[in-house]
Amino acid sequence: MSCWNRISHFEKKDLDRALYTTKELVKMWCMRGTVHIIPSHHFHIYQRATDPSRLWLPDIPEEFCKKIINVLDEPLTKSEITDRITDTTNRKLQVKVGRTVRMLGYKGIIVFANPLGKEFYFREYKFVLAKDWLSHIDSITEEEARKILFLNYLKCYGPARIQDFAYWAGFKVGEARNILKSVDVNQLRIDGKSYYMTGRTSDHHHNDTTQNHEIVLLPEYDSYVMGHKYKSRILKEINRQQVFLPYAAVAATIVKDGAVIGTWKAKKGKNALAFEITPFETIDESCMNSIQKQAEKIAEFMNMGHQISFTL
């Protein structure tokens, strides 16, 4: 949905083609140890720069890691990996395989391959060795990779504070400051705080769907919400807990003129999506109609009917 909100005439098959046929994109673990989709030719940059294994490295014997790597001669699900390792069903082994696959993904050894399931409703992903899935993996130093990561971040999210970048990338602020010292970027002061950006101020603008003064329904964990540590530019503090939920969950949001004005959910029924719209404050009829139109477009995109309810 993040792609659909930003790319005209986008269809789900376009993303599938880029991920699993042409492999122009790859799904991997990177920033903050979470799953992202990135251009395949930047795989080495994001893996080397973020290296999520520094955040989480379980105590798993090297021999067990090698065993999983050796059976991955083709894309396999975690269940299939477990079956190839042993003939017996063992819940503890399944958990250990899952943890090992994630750790090897953190190290850039394993990436996501094709999912099982149809359309938008996946049951389980297959995993594959990065060296077998990607046509070429360049080498790069951590220092150079982090410079490129920082500059790419500012191109998308600037002007931003150094704390914003650290939050987004999963770095300590001190690490982020060291990267800042090694690159040439522009600094500006806003309300007494230092912000950084690439290019000239007059040239800089967000290439984002929220610029067109329309109502936009963004999915959970959308980059517009996750891109900065300090959310005051888009979200009132009083509403923060309705978006950033327990257990690190992040709600799907309703955005109007760049500001988050509510949240939404969509529950899949047999033939329709049941939308539950929750504005933070009372909205007028025009705003309500715009939200309904966006929900209808989402249902059409997902080839479903729709029902819409508002909760105030």
Foldseek 3Di string as FASTA:
>chain_A
DLCPLQDPPDAPVVVVCCCAPVVQWFWFQAFVRDIDIDGLQCLQLRLLQGLCVVVPPDPDDPVVLVLLQVVQPDWDWLVVSLVVVDVDDDPVSSVVSVVSQSSCRSNQQKTWHAFDDDDPDGDTTTMHGSPVRDPDDDHDHNLVSNLVVVQVLQLADPQAALQLVCQRRVHDSVVSVVSVVVDDWDWDADPNGITTHHDDPVPHDHSHSLQPQAKAWAAWPRCLCNRGPDCVVAEDPVCVCVQQDPPRTGFTFIGGSRHTFWGKDWDDDPAETEIETEGPDDDDPVNVVRVVVNRCVVCVSSNGHYHYDYDD
